[in-house]
Amino acid sequence: QVQLVESGGGLVQPGGSLKLSCVGSGFPFNKYLMQWHRQAPGKEREVVASISSASGVINYVPSVKGRFTISRDNAENTVYLEMKSLKSEDTAVYYCHAPTSNLWGQGTQVTVSS
């Protein structure tokens, strides 16, 4: 079955940390560029971070640079998003995305609130 399954979201206080995971199946994960996107209430979905197939090229949206880290483990078909120093404006549903096949995960809610 071709799918992406995210996990790791939750409620965290400002300044806290979370690590999201996304497991891919049914496609050649190790050959695919992978991305994390997010969509906050009332806002358009935006790409947060991307990582090339062999982790050689990594990009971040400016608002998360220095706080978020994207990584991948091709042996486990998993891409991660480690989030530190979280702010209320990071509150959103976070989605894993494989652009090559336009695959999307179901999303995981991240809420930053005291």
N, C-alpha and C. Protein backbone atom coordinates (compact mmCIF):
# COMPACT_ATOMS: atom_id res chain seq x y z
N GLN A 1 0.84 -1.19 0.00
CA GLN A 1 0.00 0.00 0.00
C GLN A 1 0.88 1.24 0.00
N VAL A 2 0.60 2.16 -0.92
CA VAL A 2 1.36 3.39 -1.03
C VAL A 2 0.82 4.39 -0.01
N GLN A 3 1.65 4.77 0.96
CA GLN A 3 1.16 5.69 1.97
C GLN A 3 2.29 6.33 2.76
N LEU A 4 1.94 7.43 3.40
CA LEU A 4 2.79 8.12 4.36
C LEU A 4 2.01 8.23 5.65
N VAL A 5 2.63 7.88 6.76
CA VAL A 5 1.95 7.91 8.06
C VAL A 5 2.79 8.71 9.04
N GLU A 6 2.22 9.84 9.49
CA GLU A 6 2.92 10.70 10.45
C GLU A 6 2.56 10.34 11.88
N SER A 7 3.45 10.70 12.79
CA SER A 7 3.20 10.56 14.22
C SER A 7 4.06 11.55 14.97
N GLY A 8 3.74 11.75 16.26
CA GLY A 8 4.59 12.57 17.10
C GLY A 8 4.05 13.94 17.47
N GLY A 9 2.90 14.31 16.93
CA GLY A 9 2.33 15.61 17.27
C GLY A 9 1.79 15.62 18.70
N GLY A 10 1.36 16.80 19.13
CA GLY A 10 0.79 16.92 20.47
C GLY A 10 0.75 18.34 20.95
N LEU A 11 0.49 18.49 22.24
CA LEU A 11 0.44 19.80 22.89
C LEU A 11 1.75 20.04 23.63
N VAL A 12 2.34 21.20 23.40
CA VAL A 12 3.62 21.53 24.04
C VAL A 12 3.61 23.00 24.43
N GLN A 13 4.30 23.33 25.50
CA GLN A 13 4.38 24.72 25.94
C GLN A 13 5.37 25.50 25.07
N PRO A 14 5.19 26.81 24.99
CA PRO A 14 6.17 27.62 24.26
C PRO A 14 7.59 27.38 24.79
N GLY A 15 8.52 27.25 23.86
CA GLY A 15 9.90 26.94 24.22
C GLY A 15 10.20 25.45 24.27
N GLY A 16 9.16 24.64 24.15
CA GLY A 16 9.33 23.20 24.21
C GLY A 16 9.76 22.59 22.89
N SER A 17 9.82 21.25 22.89
CA SER A 17 10.30 20.51 21.72
C SER A 17 9.36 19.36 21.39
N LEU A 18 9.35 18.99 20.13
CA LEU A 18 8.64 17.81 19.64
C LEU A 18 9.43 17.24 18.47
N LYS A 19 9.27 15.93 18.27
CA LYS A 19 9.89 15.30 17.10
C LYS A 19 8.82 14.52 16.35
N LEU A 20 8.60 14.91 15.10
CA LEU A 20 7.64 14.24 14.24
C LEU A 20 8.34 13.16 13.42
N SER A 21 7.60 12.10 13.13
CA SER A 21 8.10 11.02 12.28
C SER A 21 7.10 10.77 11.17
N CYS A 22 7.62 10.31 10.04
CA CYS A 22 6.77 9.96 8.90
C CYS A 22 7.35 8.71 8.25
N VAL A 23 6.57 7.65 8.23
CA VAL A 23 7.01 6.40 7.63
C VAL A 23 6.34 6.22 6.27
N GLY A 24 7.16 5.98 5.25
CA GLY A 24 6.64 5.75 3.92
C GLY A 24 6.63 4.28 3.56
N SER A 25 5.68 3.88 2.71
CA SER A 25 5.63 2.50 2.25
C SER A 25 5.04 2.45 0.85
N GLY A 26 5.41 1.40 0.11
CA GLY A 26 4.83 1.17 -1.20
C GLY A 26 5.45 1.94 -2.34
N PHE A 27 6.55 2.64 -2.07
CA PHE A 27 7.25 3.38 -3.13
C PHE A 27 8.73 3.42 -2.76
N PRO A 28 9.60 3.77 -3.73
CA PRO A 28 11.06 3.76 -3.45
C PRO A 28 11.47 4.97 -2.62
N PHE A 29 11.23 4.88 -1.31
CA PHE A 29 11.44 6.00 -0.40
C PHE A 29 12.85 6.57 -0.54
N ASN A 30 13.85 5.70 -0.69
CA ASN A 30 15.24 6.17 -0.69
C ASN A 30 15.59 6.97 -1.94
N LYS A 31 14.71 7.02 -2.90
CA LYS A 31 14.97 7.79 -4.13
C LYS A 31 14.18 9.10 -4.19
N TYR A 32 13.37 9.34 -3.16
CA TYR A 32 12.44 10.46 -3.21
C TYR A 32 12.89 11.64 -2.36
N LEU A 33 12.78 12.85 -2.92
CA LEU A 33 12.80 14.05 -2.11
C LEU A 33 11.60 14.00 -1.15
N MET A 34 11.83 14.40 0.09
CA MET A 34 10.74 14.41 1.07
C MET A 34 10.62 15.80 1.69
N GLN A 35 9.39 16.15 2.06
CA GLN A 35 9.12 17.47 2.63
C GLN A 35 8.19 17.36 3.84
N TRP A 36 8.28 18.35 4.70
CA TRP A 36 7.28 18.60 5.73
C TRP A 36 6.59 19.92 5.38
N HIS A 37 5.26 19.90 5.42
CA HIS A 37 4.45 21.09 5.23
C HIS A 37 3.63 21.31 6.50
N ARG A 38 3.08 22.49 6.64
CA ARG A 38 2.15 22.74 7.74
C ARG A 38 1.04 23.69 7.28
N GLN A 39 -0.09 23.56 7.96
CA GLN A 39 -1.22 24.44 7.66
C GLN A 39 -1.84 24.88 8.98
N ALA A 40 -1.75 26.18 9.23
CA ALA A 40 -2.35 26.77 10.42
C ALA A 40 -3.79 27.17 10.10
N PRO A 41 -4.62 27.29 11.12
CA PRO A 41 -6.02 27.67 10.90
C PRO A 41 -6.12 28.99 10.13
N GLY A 42 -6.90 28.98 9.05
CA GLY A 42 -7.12 30.19 8.27
C GLY A 42 -5.98 30.58 7.37
N LYS A 43 -4.95 29.74 7.28
CA LYS A 43 -3.79 30.06 6.45
C LYS A 43 -3.58 28.98 5.40
N GLU A 44 -2.81 29.33 4.37
CA GLU A 44 -2.49 28.37 3.32
C GLU A 44 -1.40 27.41 3.82
N ARG A 45 -1.41 26.21 3.24
CA ARG A 45 -0.37 25.25 3.57
C ARG A 45 0.97 25.77 3.05
N GLU A 46 2.02 25.60 3.85
CA GLU A 46 3.35 26.04 3.45
C GLU A 46 4.36 24.93 3.68
N VAL A 47 5.39 24.92 2.81
CA VAL A 47 6.46 23.95 3.01
C VAL A 47 7.37 24.47 4.11
N VAL A 48 7.69 23.60 5.06
CA VAL A 48 8.51 23.96 6.21
C VAL A 48 9.97 23.56 5.98
N ALA A 49 10.16 22.36 5.44
CA ALA A 49 11.52 21.85 5.26
C ALA A 49 11.49 20.78 4.19
N SER A 50 12.63 20.62 3.51
CA SER A 50 12.76 19.57 2.51
C SER A 50 14.14 18.95 2.61
N ILE A 51 14.22 17.68 2.19
CA ILE A 51 15.48 16.94 2.25
C ILE A 51 15.58 16.06 1.02
N SER A 52 16.73 16.09 0.36
CA SER A 52 16.92 15.28 -0.83
C SER A 52 17.07 13.81 -0.47
N SER A 53 17.09 12.97 -1.49
CA SER A 53 17.04 11.52 -1.27
C SER A 53 18.20 11.01 -0.41
N ALA A 54 19.38 11.58 -0.60
CA ALA A 54 20.56 11.14 0.17
C ALA A 54 20.95 12.16 1.24
N SER A 55 20.03 13.05 1.57
CA SER A 55 20.23 14.06 2.62
C SER A 55 21.29 15.09 2.26
N GLY A 56 21.66 15.16 0.99
CA GLY A 56 22.70 16.11 0.62
C GLY A 56 22.22 17.54 0.50
N VAL A 57 20.94 17.74 0.24
CA VAL A 57 20.39 19.09 0.09
C VAL A 57 19.22 19.23 1.06
N ILE A 58 19.32 20.21 1.94
CA ILE A 58 18.29 20.46 2.95
C ILE A 58 17.93 21.94 2.91
N ASN A 59 16.65 22.22 2.95
CA ASN A 59 16.17 23.60 2.95
C ASN A 59 15.08 23.80 4.00
N TYR A 60 15.03 25.04 4.51
CA TYR A 60 14.03 25.39 5.51
C TYR A 60 13.38 26.72 5.14
N VAL A 61 12.13 26.88 5.54
CA VAL A 61 11.50 28.19 5.44
C VAL A 61 12.17 29.07 6.49
N PRO A 62 12.40 30.36 6.21
CA PRO A 62 13.16 31.21 7.15
C PRO A 62 12.62 31.21 8.57
N SER A 63 11.34 31.09 8.75
CA SER A 63 10.75 31.20 10.09
C SER A 63 11.13 30.05 11.03
N VAL A 64 11.67 28.96 10.48
CA VAL A 64 12.02 27.82 11.34
C VAL A 64 13.52 27.54 11.34
N LYS A 65 14.28 28.26 10.55
CA LYS A 65 15.74 28.01 10.49
C LYS A 65 16.37 28.19 11.86
N GLY A 66 17.21 27.25 12.23
CA GLY A 66 17.87 27.29 13.53
C GLY A 66 17.06 26.67 14.65
N ARG A 67 15.79 26.37 14.38
CA ARG A 67 14.94 25.76 15.41
C ARG A 67 14.48 24.35 15.01
N PHE A 68 14.26 24.13 13.71
CA PHE A 68 13.79 22.83 13.22
C PHE A 68 14.92 22.13 12.48
N THR A 69 14.92 20.80 12.56
CA THR A 69 15.89 19.98 11.84
C THR A 69 15.16 18.83 11.14
N ILE A 70 15.33 18.76 9.83
CA ILE A 70 14.78 17.64 9.07
C ILE A 70 15.88 16.61 8.86
N SER A 71 15.53 15.34 8.95
CA SER A 71 16.49 14.27 8.71
C SER A 71 15.73 13.05 8.20
N ARG A 72 16.47 12.06 7.74
CA ARG A 72 15.82 10.86 7.24
C ARG A 72 16.69 9.64 7.51
N ASP A 73 16.03 8.49 7.59
CA ASP A 73 16.69 7.20 7.73
C ASP A 73 16.12 6.33 6.61
N ASN A 74 16.84 6.21 5.53
CA ASN A 74 16.33 5.45 4.38
C ASN A 74 16.20 3.96 4.68
N ALA A 75 16.98 3.46 5.60
CA ALA A 75 16.86 2.04 5.97
C ALA A 75 15.53 1.77 6.66
N GLU A 76 14.98 2.81 7.30
CA GLU A 76 13.70 2.68 8.00
C GLU A 76 12.55 3.35 7.25
N ASN A 77 12.83 3.86 6.05
CA ASN A 77 11.80 4.56 5.25
C ASN A 77 11.12 5.67 6.07
N THR A 78 11.92 6.40 6.81
CA THR A 78 11.37 7.38 7.74
C THR A 78 12.04 8.74 7.56
N VAL A 79 11.22 9.78 7.60
CA VAL A 79 11.72 11.15 7.62
C VAL A 79 11.25 11.78 8.94
N TYR A 80 12.11 12.61 9.52
CA TYR A 80 11.84 13.21 10.82
C TYR A 80 11.82 14.74 10.71
N LEU A 81 11.12 15.35 11.65
CA LEU A 81 11.20 16.80 11.82
C LEU A 81 11.32 17.05 13.32
N GLU A 82 12.53 17.45 13.73
CA GLU A 82 12.77 17.78 15.13
C GLU A 82 12.55 19.27 15.30
N MET A 83 11.69 19.62 16.24
CA MET A 83 11.29 21.02 16.43
C MET A 83 11.66 21.46 17.84
N LYS A 84 12.43 22.52 17.94
CA LYS A 84 12.85 23.06 19.24
C LYS A 84 12.43 24.53 19.34
N SER A 85 12.48 25.05 20.55
CA SER A 85 12.12 26.45 20.80
C SER A 85 10.80 26.79 20.14
N LEU A 86 9.82 25.94 20.34
CA LEU A 86 8.54 26.11 19.66
C LEU A 86 7.82 27.38 20.12
N LYS A 87 7.13 28.00 19.16
CA LYS A 87 6.38 29.23 19.40
C LYS A 87 4.90 28.99 19.10
N SER A 88 4.07 29.86 19.59
CA SER A 88 2.63 29.70 19.34
C SER A 88 2.32 29.72 17.85
N GLU A 89 3.10 30.48 17.09
CA GLU A 89 2.86 30.55 15.65
C GLU A 89 3.26 29.28 14.90
N ASP A 90 3.87 28.32 15.60
CA ASP A 90 4.16 27.02 14.99
C ASP A 90 2.95 26.09 15.07
N THR A 91 1.91 26.51 15.76
CA THR A 91 0.70 25.69 15.86
C THR A 91 0.10 25.47 14.48
N ALA A 92 -0.09 24.21 14.11
CA ALA A 92 -0.58 23.86 12.78
C ALA A 92 -0.74 22.35 12.69
N VAL A 93 -1.38 21.91 11.62
CA VAL A 93 -1.33 20.49 11.25
C VAL A 93 -0.11 20.31 10.35
N TYR A 94 0.72 19.37 10.70
CA TYR A 94 1.96 19.11 9.96
C TYR A 94 1.77 17.87 9.08
N TYR A 95 2.17 18.02 7.82
CA TYR A 95 1.99 16.96 6.83
C TYR A 95 3.34 16.55 6.24
N CYS A 96 3.48 15.28 6.05
CA CYS A 96 4.60 14.72 5.31
C CYS A 96 4.21 14.65 3.83
N HIS A 97 5.16 14.94 2.93
CA HIS A 97 4.82 15.01 1.51
C HIS A 97 5.95 14.47 0.65
N ALA A 98 5.58 13.65 -0.32
CA ALA A 98 6.53 13.15 -1.32
C ALA A 98 6.13 13.75 -2.65
N PRO A 99 6.76 14.85 -3.07
CA PRO A 99 6.32 15.57 -4.27
C PRO A 99 6.37 14.75 -5.56
N THR A 100 7.33 13.83 -5.66
CA THR A 100 7.49 13.06 -6.90
C THR A 100 6.21 12.35 -7.29
N SER A 101 5.50 11.82 -6.31
CA SER A 101 4.24 11.11 -6.56
C SER A 101 3.04 11.83 -5.98
N ASN A 102 3.26 13.06 -5.53
CA ASN A 102 2.19 13.84 -4.90
C ASN A 102 1.50 13.05 -3.79
N LEU A 103 2.31 12.41 -2.95
CA LEU A 103 1.78 11.67 -1.82
C LEU A 103 1.73 12.57 -0.58
N TRP A 104 0.65 12.45 0.19
CA TRP A 104 0.50 13.21 1.42
C TRP A 104 0.14 12.26 2.56
N GLY A 105 0.65 12.55 3.73
CA GLY A 105 0.20 11.85 4.91
C GLY A 105 -1.11 12.45 5.40
N GLN A 106 -1.63 11.87 6.48
CA GLN A 106 -2.92 12.30 7.01
C GLN A 106 -2.79 13.54 7.88
N GLY A 107 -1.59 13.87 8.27
CA GLY A 107 -1.35 15.05 9.10
C GLY A 107 -1.32 14.73 10.57
N THR A 108 -0.55 15.52 11.32
CA THR A 108 -0.50 15.38 12.77
C THR A 108 -0.54 16.78 13.39
N GLN A 109 -1.38 16.96 14.39
CA GLN A 109 -1.60 18.27 14.99
C GLN A 109 -0.49 18.61 15.96
N VAL A 110 0.06 19.81 15.81
CA VAL A 110 1.02 20.36 16.77
C VAL A 110 0.40 21.64 17.34
N THR A 111 0.24 21.68 18.64
CA THR A 111 -0.32 22.84 19.32
C THR A 111 0.68 23.36 20.34
N VAL A 112 1.06 24.62 20.20
CA VAL A 112 2.00 25.25 21.12
C VAL A 112 1.22 26.26 21.95
N SER A 113 1.06 25.96 23.22
CA SER A 113 0.23 26.80 24.07
C SER A 113 0.57 26.57 25.54
N SER A 114 0.45 27.63 26.32
CA SER A 114 0.68 27.50 27.76
C SER A 114 -0.64 27.22 28.47
